[in-house]
PDB file of N, CA and C in Angstrom:
ATOM      1  N   MET A   1      99.219 101.420 128.219  1.00  0.00           N
ATOM      2  CA  MET A   1      99.107 102.763 127.713  1.00  0.00           C
ATOM      3  C   MET A   1      98.122 102.723 126.554  1.00  0.00           C
ATOM      4  N   ASN A   2      97.305 103.756 126.437  1.00  0.00           N
ATOM      5  CA  ASN A   2      96.346 103.749 125.346  1.00  0.00           C
ATOM      6  C   ASN A   2      96.993 104.244 124.044  1.00  0.00           C
ATOM      7  N   ARG A   3      96.286 104.043 122.951  1.00  0.00           N
ATOM      8  CA  ARG A   3      96.833 104.322 121.614  1.00  0.00           C
ATOM      9  C   ARG A   3      97.193 105.798 121.427  1.00  0.00           C
ATOM     10  N   THR A   4      96.379 106.721 121.926  1.00  0.00           N
ATOM     11  CA  THR A   4      96.675 108.139 121.723  1.00  0.00           C
ATOM     12  C   THR A   4      97.950 108.560 122.448  1.00  0.00           C
ATOM     13  N   GLU A   5      98.173 108.042 123.647  1.00  0.00           N
ATOM     14  CA  GLU A   5      99.418 108.329 124.361  1.00  0.00           C
ATOM     15  C   GLU A   5     100.610 107.752 123.609  1.00  0.00           C
ATOM     16  N   PHE A   6     100.422 106.551 123.092  1.00  0.00           N
ATOM     17  CA  PHE A   6     101.457 105.857 122.336  1.00  0.00           C
ATOM     18  C   PHE A   6     101.873 106.682 121.110  1.00  0.00           C
ATOM     19  N   ILE A   7     100.885 107.157 120.345  1.00  0.00           N
ATOM     20  CA  ILE A   7     101.151 107.953 119.140  1.00  0.00           C
ATOM     21  C   ILE A   7     101.805 109.284 119.513  1.00  0.00           C
ATOM     22  N   LYS A   8     101.391 109.874 120.610  1.00  0.00           N
ATOM     23  CA  LYS A   8     101.978 111.141 121.067  1.00  0.00           C
ATOM     24  C   LYS A   8     103.472 110.981 121.348  1.00  0.00           C
ATOM     25  N   ILE A   9     103.835 109.888 121.992  1.00  0.00           N
ATOM     26  CA  ILE A   9     105.257 109.628 122.278  1.00  0.00           C
ATOM     27  C   ILE A   9     106.030 109.405 120.980  1.00  0.00           C
ATOM     28  N   LEU A  10     105.427 108.692 120.034  1.00  0.00           N
ATOM     29  CA  LEU A  10     106.087 108.487 118.744  1.00  0.00           C
ATOM     30  C   LEU A  10     106.339 109.824 118.046  1.00  0.00           C
ATOM     31  N   LYS A  11     105.367 110.715 118.086  1.00  0.00           N
ATOM     32  CA  LYS A  11     105.519 112.035 117.448  1.00  0.00           C
ATOM     33  C   LYS A  11     106.646 112.833 118.093  1.00  0.00           C
ATOM     34  N   GLU A  12     106.824 112.675 119.397  1.00  0.00           N
ATOM     35  CA  GLU A  12     107.929 113.351 120.088  1.00  0.00           C
ATOM     36  C   GLU A  12     109.286 112.834 119.623  1.00  0.00           C
ATOM     37  N   HIS A  13     109.299 111.613 119.042  1.00  0.00           N
ATOM     38  CA  HIS A  13     110.531 111.016 118.537  1.00  0.00           C
ATOM     39  C   HIS A  13     110.601 111.079 117.010  1.00  0.00           C
ATOM     40  N   ASN A  14     109.933 112.070 116.412  1.00  0.00           N
ATOM     41  CA  ASN A  14     109.968 112.328 114.963  1.00  0.00           C
ATOM     42  C   ASN A  14     109.390 111.188 114.134  1.00  0.00           C
ATOM     43  N   VAL A  15     108.372 110.536 114.644  1.00  0.00           N
ATOM     44  CA  VAL A  15     107.688 109.485 113.898  1.00  0.00           C
ATOM     45  C   VAL A  15     106.318 110.030 113.518  1.00  0.00           C
ATOM     46  N   VAL A  16     106.021 110.064 112.212  1.00  0.00           N
ATOM     47  CA  VAL A  16     104.775 110.649 111.730  1.00  0.00           C
ATOM     48  C   VAL A  16     103.981 109.625 110.926  1.00  0.00           C
ATOM     49  N   PHE A  17     102.684 109.864 110.838  1.00  0.00           N
ATOM     50  CA  PHE A  17     101.792 108.986 110.094  1.00  0.00           C
ATOM     51  C   PHE A  17     102.167 108.997 108.617  1.00  0.00           C
ATOM     52  N   HIS A  18     102.166 107.809 107.997  1.00  0.00           N
ATOM     53  CA  HIS A  18     102.485 107.688 106.578  1.00  0.00           C
ATOM     54  C   HIS A  18     101.261 107.248 105.779  1.00  0.00           C
ATOM     55  N   LYS A  19     100.658 106.100 106.151  1.00  0.00           N
ATOM     56  CA  LYS A  19      99.467 105.624 105.445  1.00  0.00           C
ATOM     57  C   LYS A  19      98.771 104.542 106.262  1.00  0.00           C
ATOM     58  N   ASN A  20      97.546 104.239 105.855  1.00  0.00           N
ATOM     59  CA  ASN A  20      96.780 103.168 106.482  1.00  0.00           C
ATOM     60  C   ASN A  20      97.089 101.855 105.794  1.00  0.00           C
ATOM     61  N   GLY A  21      97.298 100.824 106.589  1.00  0.00           N
ATOM     62  CA  GLY A  21      97.399  99.475 106.062  1.00  0.00           C
ATOM     63  C   GLY A  21      96.078  98.773 106.309  1.00  0.00           C
ATOM     64  N   SER A  22      96.010  97.483 106.051  1.00  0.00           N
ATOM     65  CA  SER A  22      94.750  96.779 106.251  1.00  0.00           C
ATOM     66  C   SER A  22      94.436  96.593 107.730  1.00  0.00           C
ATOM     67  N   ARG A  23      95.418  96.253 108.541  1.00  0.00           N
ATOM     68  CA  ARG A  23      95.202  96.062 109.976  1.00  0.00           C
ATOM     69  C   ARG A  23      96.119  96.922 110.845  1.00  0.00           C
ATOM     70  N   HIS A  24      97.058  97.587 110.226  1.00  0.00           N
ATOM     71  CA  HIS A  24      98.014  98.428 110.940  1.00  0.00           C
ATOM     72  C   HIS A  24      98.084  99.782 110.248  1.00  0.00           C
ATOM     73  N   ASP A  25      98.515 100.782 110.993  1.00  0.00           N
ATOM     74  CA  ASP A  25      98.841 102.074 110.409  1.00  0.00           C
ATOM     75  C   ASP A  25     100.353 102.121 110.243  1.00  0.00           C
ATOM     76  N   ILE A  26     100.799 102.681 109.141  1.00  0.00           N
ATOM     77  CA  ILE A  26     102.224 102.760 108.852  1.00  0.00           C
ATOM     78  C   ILE A  26     102.715 104.156 109.234  1.00  0.00           C
ATOM     79  N   TYR A  27     103.735 104.185 110.044  1.00  0.00           N
ATOM     80  CA  TYR A  27     104.368 105.434 110.459  1.00  0.00           C
ATOM     81  C   TYR A  27     105.797 105.421 109.963  1.00  0.00           C
ATOM     82  N   ILE A  28     106.348 106.617 109.755  1.00  0.00           N
ATOM     83  CA  ILE A  28     107.710 106.723 109.233  1.00  0.00           C
ATOM     84  C   ILE A  28     108.516 107.666 110.125  1.00  0.00           C
ATOM     85  N   HIS A  29     109.756 107.272 110.388  1.00  0.00           N
ATOM     86  CA  HIS A  29     110.674 108.101 111.168  1.00  0.00           C
ATOM     87  C   HIS A  29     111.278 109.128 110.220  1.00  0.00           C
ATOM     88  N   THR A  30     111.074 110.404 110.485  1.00  0.00           N
ATOM     89  CA  THR A  30     111.475 111.453 109.548  1.00  0.00           C
ATOM     90  C   THR A  30     112.984 111.580 109.393  1.00  0.00           C
ATOM     91  N   VAL A  31     113.737 111.174 110.376  1.00  0.00           N
ATOM     92  CA  VAL A  31     115.193 111.303 110.314  1.00  0.00           C
ATOM     93  C   VAL A  31     115.822 110.143 109.556  1.00  0.00           C
ATOM     94  N   SER A  32     115.469 108.918 109.923  1.00  0.00           N
ATOM     95  CA  SER A  32     116.095 107.748 109.309  1.00  0.00           C
ATOM     96  C   SER A  32     115.339 107.214 108.102  1.00  0.00           C
ATOM     97  N   GLY A  33     114.060 107.575 107.976  1.00  0.00           N
ATOM     98  CA  GLY A  33     113.257 107.073 106.873  1.00  0.00           C
ATOM     99  C   GLY A  33     112.707 105.676 107.097  1.00  0.00           C
ATOM    100  N   LYS A  34     112.914 105.112 108.270  1.00  0.00           N
ATOM    101  CA  LYS A  34     112.436 103.759 108.556  1.00  0.00           C
ATOM    102  C   LYS A  34     110.928 103.782 108.791  1.00  0.00           C
ATOM    103  N   LYS A  35     110.268 102.737 108.300  1.00  0.00           N
ATOM    104  CA  LYS A  35     108.829 102.607 108.471  1.00  0.00           C
ATOM    105  C   LYS A  35     108.536 101.569 109.541  1.00  0.00           C
ATOM    106  N   VAL A  36     107.494 101.829 110.326  1.00  0.00           N
ATOM    107  CA  VAL A  36     107.058 100.887 111.350  1.00  0.00           C
ATOM    108  C   VAL A  36     105.551 100.723 111.247  1.00  0.00           C
ATOM    109  N   ALA A  37     105.092  99.506 111.499  1.00  0.00           N
ATOM    110  CA  ALA A  37     103.662  99.205 111.487  1.00  0.00           C
ATOM    111  C   ALA A  37     103.145  99.240 112.918  1.00  0.00           C
ATOM    112  N   ILE A  38     102.118 100.033 113.149  1.00  0.00           N
ATOM    113  CA  ILE A  38     101.522 100.158 114.467  1.00  0.00           C
ATOM    114  C   ILE A  38     100.121  99.554 114.416  1.00  0.00           C
ATOM    115  N   PRO A  39      99.861  98.527 115.234  1.00  0.00           N
ATOM    116  CA  PRO A  39      98.521  97.924 115.222  1.00  0.00           C
ATOM    117  C   PRO A  39      97.471  98.891 115.763  1.00  0.00           C
ATOM    118  N   ARG A  40      96.237  98.632 115.444  1.00  0.00           N
ATOM    119  CA  ARG A  40      95.148  99.517 115.876  1.00  0.00           C
ATOM    120  C   ARG A  40      94.481  99.031 117.158  1.00  0.00           C
ATOM    121  N   HIS A  41      95.245  98.575 118.124  1.00  0.00           N
ATOM    122  CA  HIS A  41      94.708  98.151 119.409  1.00  0.00           C
ATOM    123  C   HIS A  41      94.451  99.369 120.278  1.00  0.00           C
ATOM    124  N   ARG A  42      93.483  99.269 121.162  1.00  0.00           N
ATOM    125  CA  ARG A  42      93.209 100.384 122.073  1.00  0.00           C
ATOM    126  C   ARG A  42      94.287 100.524 123.129  1.00  0.00           C
ATOM    127  N   GLU A  43      94.781  99.413 123.612  1.00  0.00           N
ATOM    128  CA  GLU A  43      95.827  99.404 124.641  1.00  0.00           C
ATOM    129  C   GLU A  43      97.084  98.742 124.088  1.00  0.00           C
ATOM    130  N   MET A  44      98.235  99.313 124.396  1.00  0.00           N
ATOM    131  CA  MET A  44      99.514  98.763 123.965  1.00  0.00           C
ATOM    132  C   MET A  44     100.456  98.729 125.152  1.00  0.00           C
ATOM    133  N   LYS A  45     101.311  97.747 125.150  1.00  0.00           N
ATOM    134  CA  LYS A  45     102.256  97.586 126.255  1.00  0.00           C
ATOM    135  C   LYS A  45     103.452  98.519 126.066  1.00  0.00           C
ATOM    136  N   ASN A  46     103.989  98.982 127.172  1.00  0.00           N
ATOM    137  CA  ASN A  46     105.164  99.852 127.137  1.00  0.00           C
ATOM    138  C   ASN A  46     106.342  99.151 126.481  1.00  0.00           C
ATOM    139  N   LYS A  47     106.409  97.843 126.638  1.00  0.00           N
ATOM    140  CA  LYS A  47     107.489  97.060 126.033  1.00  0.00           C
ATOM    141  C   LYS A  47     107.459  97.181 124.505  1.00  0.00           C
ATOM    142  N   PHE A  48     106.256  97.241 123.936  1.00  0.00           N
ATOM    143  CA  PHE A  48     106.095  97.395 122.494  1.00  0.00           C
ATOM    144  C   PHE A  48     106.611  98.763 122.040  1.00  0.00           C
ATOM    145  N   LEU A  49     106.335  99.804 122.809  1.00  0.00           N
ATOM    146  CA  LEU A  49     106.822 101.143 122.493  1.00  0.00           C
ATOM    147  C   LEU A  49     108.344 101.170 122.489  1.00  0.00           C
ATOM    148  N   LYS A  50     108.959 100.559 123.492  1.00  0.00           N
ATOM    149  CA  LYS A  50     110.422 100.522 123.565  1.00  0.00           C
ATOM    150  C   LYS A  50     111.005  99.782 122.363  1.00  0.00           C
ATOM    151  N   MET A  51     110.357  98.683 121.978  1.00  0.00           N
ATOM    152  CA  MET A  51     110.831  97.906 120.837  1.00  0.00           C
ATOM    153  C   MET A  51     110.788  98.744 119.547  1.00  0.00           C
ATOM    154  N   ILE A  52     109.736  99.502 119.347  1.00  0.00           N
ATOM    155  CA  ILE A  52     109.615 100.328 118.145  1.00  0.00           C
ATOM    156  C   ILE A  52     110.643 101.448 118.153  1.00  0.00           C
ATOM    157  N   LEU A  53     110.806 102.109 119.279  1.00  0.00           N
ATOM    158  CA  LEU A  53     111.790 103.199 119.360  1.00  0.00           C
ATOM    159  C   LEU A  53     113.207 102.684 119.145  1.00  0.00           C
ATOM    160  N   ASP A  54     113.518 101.500 119.663  1.00  0.00           N
ATOM    161  CA  ASP A  54     114.832 100.908 119.430  1.00  0.00           C
ATOM    162  C   ASP A  54     115.021 100.596 117.948  1.00  0.00           C
ATOM    163  N   GLU A  55     113.972 100.120 117.302  1.00  0.00           N
ATOM    164  CA  GLU A  55     114.044  99.759 115.884  1.00  0.00           C
ATOM    165  C   GLU A  55     114.310 100.977 114.997  1.00  0.00           C
ATOM    166  N   ILE A  56     113.618 102.073 115.242  1.00  0.00           N
ATOM    167  CA  ILE A  56     113.797 103.235 114.367  1.00  0.00           C
ATOM    168  C   ILE A  56     115.105 103.963 114.630  1.00  0.00           C
ATOM    169  N   GLN A  57     115.665 103.780 115.818  1.00  0.00           N
ATOM    170  CA  GLN A  57     116.901 104.476 116.139  1.00  0.00           C
ATOM    171  C   GLN A  57     118.140 103.631 115.870  1.00  0.00           C
ATOM    172  N   ARG A  58     117.938 102.399 115.445  1.00  0.00           N
ATOM    173  CA  ARG A  58     119.073 101.522 115.130  1.00  0.00           C
ATOM    174  C   ARG A  58     119.800 102.084 113.914  1.00  0.00           C
ATOM    175  N   LYS A  59     121.101 102.104 113.971  1.00  0.00           N
ATOM    176  CA  LYS A  59     121.914 102.705 112.911  1.00  0.00           C
ATOM    177  C   LYS A  59     121.961 101.858 111.649  1.00  0.00           C
ATOM    178  N   ASN A  60     122.206 100.557 111.788  1.00  0.00           N
ATOM    179  CA  ASN A  60     122.388  99.693 110.624  1.00  0.00           C
ATOM    180  C   ASN A  60     121.325  98.620 110.584  1.00  0.00           C
ATOM    181  N   ASP A  61     120.924  98.237 109.388  1.00  0.00           N
ATOM    182  CA  ASP A  61     119.962  97.156 109.220  1.00  0.00           C
ATOM    183  C   ASP A  61     120.653  95.866 108.838  1.00  0.00           C
ATOM    184  N   PHE A  62     121.957  95.830 108.882  1.00  0.00           N
ATOM    185  CA  PHE A  62     122.698  94.641 108.405  1.00  0.00           C
ATOM    186  C   PHE A  62     122.806  93.598 109.478  1.00  0.00           C
TER     187      PHE A  62
END
């Protein structure tokens, strides 16, 4: 999946752009407040998208 499709799916799950990092863009989940780093690759694997969505929707960090 390309980066624009990837970001579109994140936005549908309440994940918005926060700031630019040196090699990644930082996005934040508006509901939980969790931050995730998204690399600037043109193509990303669907498995990576699932991993990020699972991370932001996890209830506890303990």
